[in-house]
PDB file of N, CA and C in Angstrom:
ATOM      1  N   MET A   1      -0.517  22.269   8.839  1.00  0.00           N
ATOM      2  CA  MET A   1      -0.512  20.845   8.584  1.00  0.00           C
ATOM      3  C   MET A   1      -1.902  20.237   8.795  1.00  0.00           C
ATOM      4  N   LEU A   2      -2.536  20.546   9.922  1.00  0.00           N
ATOM      5  CA  LEU A   2      -3.845  19.960  10.197  1.00  0.00           C
ATOM      6  C   LEU A   2      -4.887  20.366   9.169  1.00  0.00           C
ATOM      7  N   THR A   3      -4.799  21.567   8.649  1.00  0.00           N
ATOM      8  CA  THR A   3      -5.756  22.010   7.631  1.00  0.00           C
ATOM      9  C   THR A   3      -5.684  21.116   6.402  1.00  0.00           C
ATOM     10  N   GLU A   4      -4.475  20.822   5.955  1.00  0.00           N
ATOM     11  CA  GLU A   4      -4.302  19.942   4.797  1.00  0.00           C
ATOM     12  C   GLU A   4      -4.794  18.524   5.099  1.00  0.00           C
ATOM     13  N   VAL A   5      -4.545  18.054   6.301  1.00  0.00           N
ATOM     14  CA  VAL A   5      -4.993  16.706   6.691  1.00  0.00           C
ATOM     15  C   VAL A   5      -6.512  16.646   6.672  1.00  0.00           C
ATOM     16  N   PHE A   6      -7.165  17.641   7.286  1.00  0.00           N
ATOM     17  CA  PHE A   6      -8.624  17.640   7.308  1.00  0.00           C
ATOM     18  C   PHE A   6      -9.209  17.748   5.904  1.00  0.00           C
ATOM     19  N   LYS A   7      -8.593  18.565   5.059  1.00  0.00           N
ATOM     20  CA  LYS A   7      -9.051  18.681   3.673  1.00  0.00           C
ATOM     21  C   LYS A   7      -8.939  17.318   2.973  1.00  0.00           C
ATOM     22  N   ALA A   8      -7.821  16.639   3.191  1.00  0.00           N
ATOM     23  CA  ALA A   8      -7.617  15.331   2.556  1.00  0.00           C
ATOM     24  C   ALA A   8      -8.620  14.310   3.061  1.00  0.00           C
ATOM     25  N   LEU A   9      -8.907  14.336   4.353  1.00  0.00           N
ATOM     26  CA  LEU A   9      -9.820  13.353   4.938  1.00  0.00           C
ATOM     27  C   LEU A   9     -11.288  13.641   4.642  1.00  0.00           C
ATOM     28  N   ALA A  10     -11.593  14.831   4.152  1.00  0.00           N
ATOM     29  CA  ALA A  10     -12.984  15.219   3.902  1.00  0.00           C
ATOM     30  C   ALA A  10     -13.624  14.455   2.747  1.00  0.00           C
ATOM     31  N   ASP A  11     -12.814  13.927   1.848  1.00  0.00           N
ATOM     32  CA  ASP A  11     -13.358  13.262   0.659  1.00  0.00           C
ATOM     33  C   ASP A  11     -13.453  11.754   0.871  1.00  0.00           C
ATOM     34  N   PRO A  12     -14.606  11.155   0.570  1.00  0.00           N
ATOM     35  CA  PRO A  12     -14.768   9.705   0.780  1.00  0.00           C
ATOM     36  C   PRO A  12     -13.837   8.847  -0.080  1.00  0.00           C
ATOM     37  N   HIS A  13     -13.507   9.308  -1.280  1.00  0.00           N
ATOM     38  CA  HIS A  13     -12.588   8.528  -2.120  1.00  0.00           C
ATOM     39  C   HIS A  13     -11.188   8.499  -1.507  1.00  0.00           C
ATOM     40  N   ARG A  14     -10.789   9.622  -0.938  1.00  0.00           N
ATOM     41  CA  ARG A  14      -9.467   9.648  -0.301  1.00  0.00           C
ATOM     42  C   ARG A  14      -9.449   8.785   0.950  1.00  0.00           C
ATOM     43  N   ARG A  15     -10.552   8.759   1.674  1.00  0.00           N
ATOM     44  CA  ARG A  15     -10.627   7.861   2.845  1.00  0.00           C
ATOM     45  C   ARG A  15     -10.578   6.408   2.400  1.00  0.00           C
ATOM     46  N   THR A  16     -11.181   6.092   1.271  1.00  0.00           N
ATOM     47  CA  THR A  16     -11.110   4.734   0.729  1.00  0.00           C
ATOM     48  C   THR A  16      -9.667   4.381   0.379  1.00  0.00           C
ATOM     49  N   ILE A  17      -8.957   5.301  -0.234  1.00  0.00           N
ATOM     50  CA  ILE A  17      -7.549   5.058  -0.580  1.00  0.00           C
ATOM     51  C   ILE A  17      -6.753   4.757   0.684  1.00  0.00           C
ATOM     52  N   LEU A  18      -6.965   5.543   1.734  1.00  0.00           N
ATOM     53  CA  LEU A  18      -6.240   5.312   2.982  1.00  0.00           C
ATOM     54  C   LEU A  18      -6.573   3.950   3.574  1.00  0.00           C
ATOM     55  N   THR A  19      -7.825   3.557   3.487  1.00  0.00           N
ATOM     56  CA  THR A  19      -8.238   2.237   3.982  1.00  0.00           C
ATOM     57  C   THR A  19      -7.551   1.130   3.197  1.00  0.00           C
ATOM     58  N   LEU A  20      -7.482   1.282   1.885  1.00  0.00           N
ATOM     59  CA  LEU A  20      -6.794   0.289   1.052  1.00  0.00           C
ATOM     60  C   LEU A  20      -5.317   0.186   1.421  1.00  0.00           C
ATOM     61  N   LEU A  21      -4.694   1.329   1.671  1.00  0.00           N
ATOM     62  CA  LEU A  21      -3.260   1.343   1.966  1.00  0.00           C
ATOM     63  C   LEU A  21      -2.947   0.801   3.360  1.00  0.00           C
ATOM     64  N   ARG A  22      -3.944   0.713   4.214  1.00  0.00           N
ATOM     65  CA  ARG A  22      -3.722   0.081   5.528  1.00  0.00           C
ATOM     66  C   ARG A  22      -3.289  -1.368   5.368  1.00  0.00           C
ATOM     67  N   LYS A  23      -3.722  -1.995   4.287  1.00  0.00           N
ATOM     68  CA  LYS A  23      -3.407  -3.412   4.046  1.00  0.00           C
ATOM     69  C   LYS A  23      -2.038  -3.605   3.411  1.00  0.00           C
ATOM     70  N   GLY A  24      -1.436  -2.513   2.892  1.00  0.00           N
ATOM     71  CA  GLY A  24      -0.119  -2.612   2.274  1.00  0.00           C
ATOM     72  C   GLY A  24       0.039  -1.633   1.131  1.00  0.00           C
ATOM     73  N   ASP A  25       1.250  -1.548   0.626  1.00  0.00           N
ATOM     74  CA  ASP A  25       1.570  -0.637  -0.473  1.00  0.00           C
ATOM     75  C   ASP A  25       0.847  -1.051  -1.752  1.00  0.00           C
ATOM     76  N   LEU A  26       0.396  -0.050  -2.507  1.00  0.00           N
ATOM     77  CA  LEU A  26      -0.293  -0.290  -3.771  1.00  0.00           C
ATOM     78  C   LEU A  26       0.176   0.713  -4.811  1.00  0.00           C
ATOM     79  N   ASN A  27       0.119   0.290  -6.088  1.00  0.00           N
ATOM     80  CA  ASN A  27       0.390   1.245  -7.164  1.00  0.00           C
ATOM     81  C   ASN A  27      -0.940   1.818  -7.659  1.00  0.00           C
ATOM     82  N   VAL A  28      -0.855   2.780  -8.563  1.00  0.00           N
ATOM     83  CA  VAL A  28      -2.059   3.473  -9.038  1.00  0.00           C
ATOM     84  C   VAL A  28      -3.070   2.508  -9.645  1.00  0.00           C
ATOM     85  N   SER A  29      -2.605   1.560 -10.440  1.00  0.00           N
ATOM     86  CA  SER A  29      -3.517   0.607 -11.081  1.00  0.00           C
ATOM     87  C   SER A  29      -4.262  -0.212 -10.049  1.00  0.00           C
ATOM     88  N   GLN A  30      -3.570  -0.619  -9.007  1.00  0.00           N
ATOM     89  CA  GLN A  30      -4.207  -1.413  -7.956  1.00  0.00           C
ATOM     90  C   GLN A  30      -5.235  -0.591  -7.185  1.00  0.00           C
ATOM     91  N   ILE A  31      -4.927   0.673  -6.945  1.00  0.00           N
ATOM     92  CA  ILE A  31      -5.881   1.543  -6.261  1.00  0.00           C
ATOM     93  C   ILE A  31      -7.089   1.801  -7.152  1.00  0.00           C
ATOM     94  N   ALA A  32      -6.845   2.022  -8.430  1.00  0.00           N
ATOM     95  CA  ALA A  32      -7.921   2.338  -9.382  1.00  0.00           C
ATOM     96  C   ALA A  32      -8.960   1.224  -9.485  1.00  0.00           C
ATOM     97  N   GLU A  33      -8.562  -0.010  -9.237  1.00  0.00           N
ATOM     98  CA  GLU A  33      -9.509  -1.135  -9.290  1.00  0.00           C
ATOM     99  C   GLU A  33     -10.645  -0.988  -8.282  1.00  0.00           C
ATOM    100  N   HIS A  34     -10.435  -0.180  -7.253  1.00  0.00           N
ATOM    101  CA  HIS A  34     -11.404  -0.065  -6.166  1.00  0.00           C
ATOM    102  C   HIS A  34     -12.205   1.232  -6.177  1.00  0.00           C
ATOM    103  N   LEU A  35     -11.922   2.116  -7.139  1.00  0.00           N
ATOM    104  CA  LEU A  35     -12.594   3.413  -7.165  1.00  0.00           C
ATOM    105  C   LEU A  35     -13.207   3.705  -8.528  1.00  0.00           C
ATOM    106  N   PRO A  36     -14.425   4.244  -8.545  1.00  0.00           N
ATOM    107  CA  PRO A  36     -15.087   4.592  -9.807  1.00  0.00           C
ATOM    108  C   PRO A  36     -14.721   5.997 -10.271  1.00  0.00           C
ATOM    109  N   VAL A  37     -13.427   6.240 -10.466  1.00  0.00           N
ATOM    110  CA  VAL A  37     -12.979   7.574 -10.872  1.00  0.00           C
ATOM    111  C   VAL A  37     -12.036   7.450 -12.057  1.00  0.00           C
ATOM    112  N   THR A  38     -11.849   8.557 -12.769  1.00  0.00           N
ATOM    113  CA  THR A  38     -10.914   8.571 -13.897  1.00  0.00           C
ATOM    114  C   THR A  38      -9.484   8.600 -13.373  1.00  0.00           C
ATOM    115  N   GLY A  39      -8.548   8.338 -14.250  1.00  0.00           N
ATOM    116  CA  GLY A  39      -7.138   8.397 -13.880  1.00  0.00           C
ATOM    117  C   GLY A  39      -6.725   9.776 -13.403  1.00  0.00           C
ATOM    118  N   ALA A  40      -7.249  10.807 -14.058  1.00  0.00           N
ATOM    119  CA  ALA A  40      -6.920  12.180 -13.667  1.00  0.00           C
ATOM    120  C   ALA A  40      -7.457  12.502 -12.272  1.00  0.00           C
ATOM    121  N   THR A  41      -8.653  12.029 -11.993  1.00  0.00           N
ATOM    122  CA  THR A  41      -9.243  12.270 -10.674  1.00  0.00           C
ATOM    123  C   THR A  41      -8.471  11.519  -9.603  1.00  0.00           C
ATOM    124  N   LEU A  42      -8.097  10.287  -9.894  1.00  0.00           N
ATOM    125  CA  LEU A  42      -7.312   9.507  -8.937  1.00  0.00           C
ATOM    126  C   LEU A  42      -5.972  10.190  -8.679  1.00  0.00           C
ATOM    127  N   SER A  43      -5.368  10.695  -9.713  1.00  0.00           N
ATOM    128  CA  SER A  43      -4.100  11.410  -9.577  1.00  0.00           C
ATOM    129  C   SER A  43      -4.263  12.625  -8.668  1.00  0.00           C
ATOM    130  N   HIS A  44      -5.363  13.347  -8.829  1.00  0.00           N
ATOM    131  CA  HIS A  44      -5.653  14.508  -7.981  1.00  0.00           C
ATOM    132  C   HIS A  44      -5.805  14.078  -6.518  1.00  0.00           C
ATOM    133  N   HIS A  45      -6.542  12.994  -6.281  1.00  0.00           N
ATOM    134  CA  HIS A  45      -6.731  12.499  -4.915  1.00  0.00           C
ATOM    135  C   HIS A  45      -5.397  12.103  -4.283  1.00  0.00           C
ATOM    136  N   LEU A  46      -4.568  11.404  -5.032  1.00  0.00           N
ATOM    137  CA  LEU A  46      -3.269  10.993  -4.502  1.00  0.00           C
ATOM    138  C   LEU A  46      -2.383  12.206  -4.232  1.00  0.00           C
ATOM    139  N   ASP A  47      -2.455  13.204  -5.088  1.00  0.00           N
ATOM    140  CA  ASP A  47      -1.679  14.418  -4.874  1.00  0.00           C
ATOM    141  C   ASP A  47      -2.122  15.132  -3.595  1.00  0.00           C
ATOM    142  N   THR A  48      -3.419  15.188  -3.370  1.00  0.00           N
ATOM    143  CA  THR A  48      -3.942  15.816  -2.152  1.00  0.00           C
ATOM    144  C   THR A  48      -3.463  15.063  -0.911  1.00  0.00           C
ATOM    145  N   LEU A  49      -3.478  13.742  -0.975  1.00  0.00           N
ATOM    146  CA  LEU A  49      -3.000  12.929   0.149  1.00  0.00           C
ATOM    147  C   LEU A  49      -1.501  13.116   0.371  1.00  0.00           C
ATOM    148  N   LYS A  50      -0.750  13.255  -0.713  1.00  0.00           N
ATOM    149  CA  LYS A  50       0.689  13.489  -0.588  1.00  0.00           C
ATOM    150  C   LYS A  50       0.967  14.872   0.014  1.00  0.00           C
ATOM    151  N   ARG A  51       0.236  15.897  -0.433  1.00  0.00           N
ATOM    152  CA  ARG A  51       0.442  17.246   0.092  1.00  0.00           C
ATOM    153  C   ARG A  51       0.115  17.316   1.585  1.00  0.00           C
ATOM    154  N   ALA A  52      -0.840  16.497   2.023  1.00  0.00           N
ATOM    155  CA  ALA A  52      -1.177  16.424   3.447  1.00  0.00           C
ATOM    156  C   ALA A  52      -0.195  15.527   4.193  1.00  0.00           C
ATOM    157  N   ASP A  53       0.720  14.926   3.460  1.00  0.00           N
ATOM    158  CA  ASP A  53       1.742  14.038   4.023  1.00  0.00           C
ATOM    159  C   ASP A  53       1.146  12.765   4.624  1.00  0.00           C
ATOM    160  N   LEU A  54      -0.041  12.391   4.158  1.00  0.00           N
ATOM    161  CA  LEU A  54      -0.688  11.177   4.657  1.00  0.00           C
ATOM    162  C   LEU A  54      -0.199   9.930   3.939  1.00  0.00           C
ATOM    163  N   VAL A  55       0.282  10.103   2.713  1.00  0.00           N
ATOM    164  CA  VAL A  55       0.832   8.968   1.966  1.00  0.00           C
ATOM    165  C   VAL A  55       2.221   9.319   1.447  1.00  0.00           C
ATOM    166  N   LEU A  56       3.000   8.281   1.264  1.00  0.00           N
ATOM    167  CA  LEU A  56       4.336   8.404   0.687  1.00  0.00           C
ATOM    168  C   LEU A  56       4.330   7.718  -0.665  1.00  0.00           C
ATOM    169  N   ALA A  57       5.078   8.238  -1.603  1.00  0.00           N
ATOM    170  CA  ALA A  57       5.187   7.652  -2.941  1.00  0.00           C
ATOM    171  C   ALA A  57       6.626   7.227  -3.169  1.00  0.00           C
ATOM    172  N   GLU A  58       6.789   6.012  -3.696  1.00  0.00           N
ATOM    173  CA  GLU A  58       8.131   5.485  -3.960  1.00  0.00           C
ATOM    174  C   GLU A  58       8.143   4.779  -5.307  1.00  0.00           C
ATOM    175  N   ARG A  59       9.048   5.193  -6.171  1.00  0.00           N
ATOM    176  CA  ARG A  59       9.173   4.555  -7.482  1.00  0.00           C
ATOM    177  C   ARG A  59       9.894   3.228  -7.317  1.00  0.00           C
ATOM    178  N   ARG A  60       9.288   2.179  -7.876  1.00  0.00           N
ATOM    179  CA  ARG A  60       9.897   0.845  -7.907  1.00  0.00           C
ATOM    180  C   ARG A  60       9.807   0.361  -9.351  1.00  0.00           C
ATOM    181  N   GLY A  61      10.909   0.482 -10.059  1.00  0.00           N
ATOM    182  CA  GLY A  61      10.895   0.129 -11.477  1.00  0.00           C
ATOM    183  C   GLY A  61      10.035   1.119 -12.231  1.00  0.00           C
ATOM    184  N   GLN A  62       9.068   0.595 -12.985  1.00  0.00           N
ATOM    185  CA  GLN A  62       8.213   1.485 -13.773  1.00  0.00           C
ATOM    186  C   GLN A  62       6.956   1.933 -13.037  1.00  0.00           C
ATOM    187  N   PHE A  63       6.780   1.483 -11.808  1.00  0.00           N
ATOM    188  CA  PHE A  63       5.576   1.830 -11.048  1.00  0.00           C
ATOM    189  C   PHE A  63       5.904   2.703  -9.845  1.00  0.00           C
ATOM    190  N   VAL A  64       4.936   3.522  -9.447  1.00  0.00           N
ATOM    191  CA  VAL A  64       5.029   4.282  -8.207  1.00  0.00           C
ATOM    192  C   VAL A  64       4.096   3.608  -7.214  1.00  0.00           C
ATOM    193  N   TYR A  65       4.635   3.257  -6.065  1.00  0.00           N
ATOM    194  CA  TYR A  65       3.848   2.620  -5.016  1.00  0.00           C
ATOM    195  C   TYR A  65       3.568   3.627  -3.913  1.00  0.00           C
ATOM    196  N   TYR A  66       2.356   3.549  -3.382  1.00  0.00           N
ATOM    197  CA  TYR A  66       1.918   4.445  -2.331  1.00  0.00           C
ATOM    198  C   TYR A  66       1.784   3.664  -1.034  1.00  0.00           C
ATOM    199  N   SER A  67       2.149   4.321   0.063  1.00  0.00           N
ATOM    200  CA  SER A  67       2.026   3.711   1.382  1.00  0.00           C
ATOM    201  C   SER A  67       1.574   4.778   2.376  1.00  0.00           C
ATOM    202  N   LEU A  68       1.030   4.324   3.501  1.00  0.00           N
ATOM    203  CA  LEU A  68       0.610   5.254   4.545  1.00  0.00           C
ATOM    204  C   LEU A  68       1.821   5.854   5.234  1.00  0.00           C
ATOM    205  N   ASN A  69       1.728   7.107   5.563  1.00  0.00           N
ATOM    206  CA  ASN A  69       2.744   7.760   6.369  1.00  0.00           C
ATOM    207  C   ASN A  69       2.218   7.767   7.807  1.00  0.00           C
ATOM    208  N   THR A  70       2.518   6.725   8.539  1.00  0.00           N
ATOM    209  CA  THR A  70       1.942   6.559   9.873  1.00  0.00           C
ATOM    210  C   THR A  70       2.406   7.624  10.855  1.00  0.00           C
ATOM    211  N   SER A  71       3.567   8.211  10.639  1.00  0.00           N
ATOM    212  CA  SER A  71       4.047   9.232  11.577  1.00  0.00           C
ATOM    213  C   SER A  71       3.124  10.455  11.582  1.00  0.00           C
ATOM    214  N   VAL A  72       2.541  10.785  10.442  1.00  0.00           N
ATOM    215  CA  VAL A  72       1.610  11.924  10.397  1.00  0.00           C
ATOM    216  C   VAL A  72       0.335  11.596  11.153  1.00  0.00           C
ATOM    217  N   PHE A  73      -0.135  10.366  11.049  1.00  0.00           N
ATOM    218  CA  PHE A  73      -1.326   9.972  11.803  1.00  0.00           C
ATOM    219  C   PHE A  73      -1.066  10.087  13.302  1.00  0.00           C
ATOM    220  N   GLU A  74       0.128   9.734  13.726  1.00  0.00           N
ATOM    221  CA  GLU A  74       0.482   9.870  15.137  1.00  0.00           C
ATOM    222  C   GLU A  74       0.482  11.332  15.560  1.00  0.00           C
ATOM    223  N   GLU A  75       0.998  12.213  14.717  1.00  0.00           N
ATOM    224  CA  GLU A  75       1.003  13.644  15.016  1.00  0.00           C
ATOM    225  C   GLU A  75      -0.416  14.197  15.114  1.00  0.00           C
ATOM    226  N   VAL A  76      -1.296  13.750  14.228  1.00  0.00           N
ATOM    227  CA  VAL A  76      -2.685  14.205  14.245  1.00  0.00           C
ATOM    228  C   VAL A  76      -3.359  13.751  15.531  1.00  0.00           C
ATOM    229  N   LEU A  77      -3.119  12.509  15.935  1.00  0.00           N
ATOM    230  CA  LEU A  77      -3.695  12.019  17.189  1.00  0.00           C
ATOM    231  C   LEU A  77      -3.196  12.827  18.386  1.00  0.00           C
ATOM    232  N   LYS A  78      -1.927  13.165  18.395  1.00  0.00           N
ATOM    233  CA  LYS A  78      -1.383  13.989  19.480  1.00  0.00           C
ATOM    234  C   LYS A  78      -2.062  15.355  19.507  1.00  0.00           C
ATOM    235  N   ALA A  79      -2.279  15.921  18.340  1.00  0.00           N
ATOM    236  CA  ALA A  79      -2.943  17.224  18.263  1.00  0.00           C
ATOM    237  C   ALA A  79      -4.356  17.139  18.811  1.00  0.00           C
ATOM    238  N   PHE A  80      -5.089  16.091  18.455  1.00  0.00           N
ATOM    239  CA  PHE A  80      -6.444  15.903  18.974  1.00  0.00           C
ATOM    240  C   PHE A  80      -6.430  15.768  20.486  1.00  0.00           C
ATOM    241  N   ARG A  81      -5.506  14.976  20.985  1.00  0.00           N
ATOM    242  CA  ARG A  81      -5.420  14.813  22.451  1.00  0.00           C
ATOM    243  C   ARG A  81      -5.173  16.150  23.131  1.00  0.00           C
ATOM    244  N   SER A  82      -4.329  16.981  22.548  1.00  0.00           N
ATOM    245  CA  SER A  82      -4.026  18.262  23.160  1.00  0.00           C
ATOM    246  C   SER A  82      -5.255  19.183  23.154  1.00  0.00           C
ATOM    247  N   TYR A  83      -6.109  19.063  22.138  1.00  0.00           N
ATOM    248  CA  TYR A  83      -7.315  19.882  22.085  1.00  0.00           C
ATOM    249  C   TYR A  83      -8.315  19.497  23.168  1.00  0.00           C
ATOM    250  N   PHE A  84      -8.361  18.214  23.501  1.00  0.00           N
ATOM    251  CA  PHE A  84      -9.401  17.726  24.388  1.00  0.00           C
ATOM    252  C   PHE A  84      -8.911  17.381  25.784  1.00  0.00           C
ATOM    253  N   SER A  85      -7.635  17.534  26.057  1.00  0.00           N
ATOM    254  CA  SER A  85      -7.128  17.248  27.393  1.00  0.00           C
ATOM    255  C   SER A  85      -7.215  18.513  28.247  1.00  0.00           C
ATOM    256  N   ARG A  86      -7.307  18.299  29.509  1.00  0.00           N
ATOM    257  CA  ARG A  86      -7.413  19.443  30.431  1.00  0.00           C
ATOM    258  C   ARG A  86      -6.109  19.711  31.079  1.00  0.00           C
TER     259      ARG A  86
END
């Protein structure tokens, strides 16, 4: 799990997506307004974030909305604490 999370967090565009989603759920078009990437590239970034379980996707009508999966962030923080605690 942590390997996928670190891979997802390594890319600045994916970190930007996560920052945008901190403010609330967004669909692909709304995310695309903030990134200088093609639709295919954005799709790849979102897929990587989904595989790392950092974002959740939910269909609402004709759009798919993305949101942060905060439970995974909590798990990652716990893992970090365990690495650095005595």
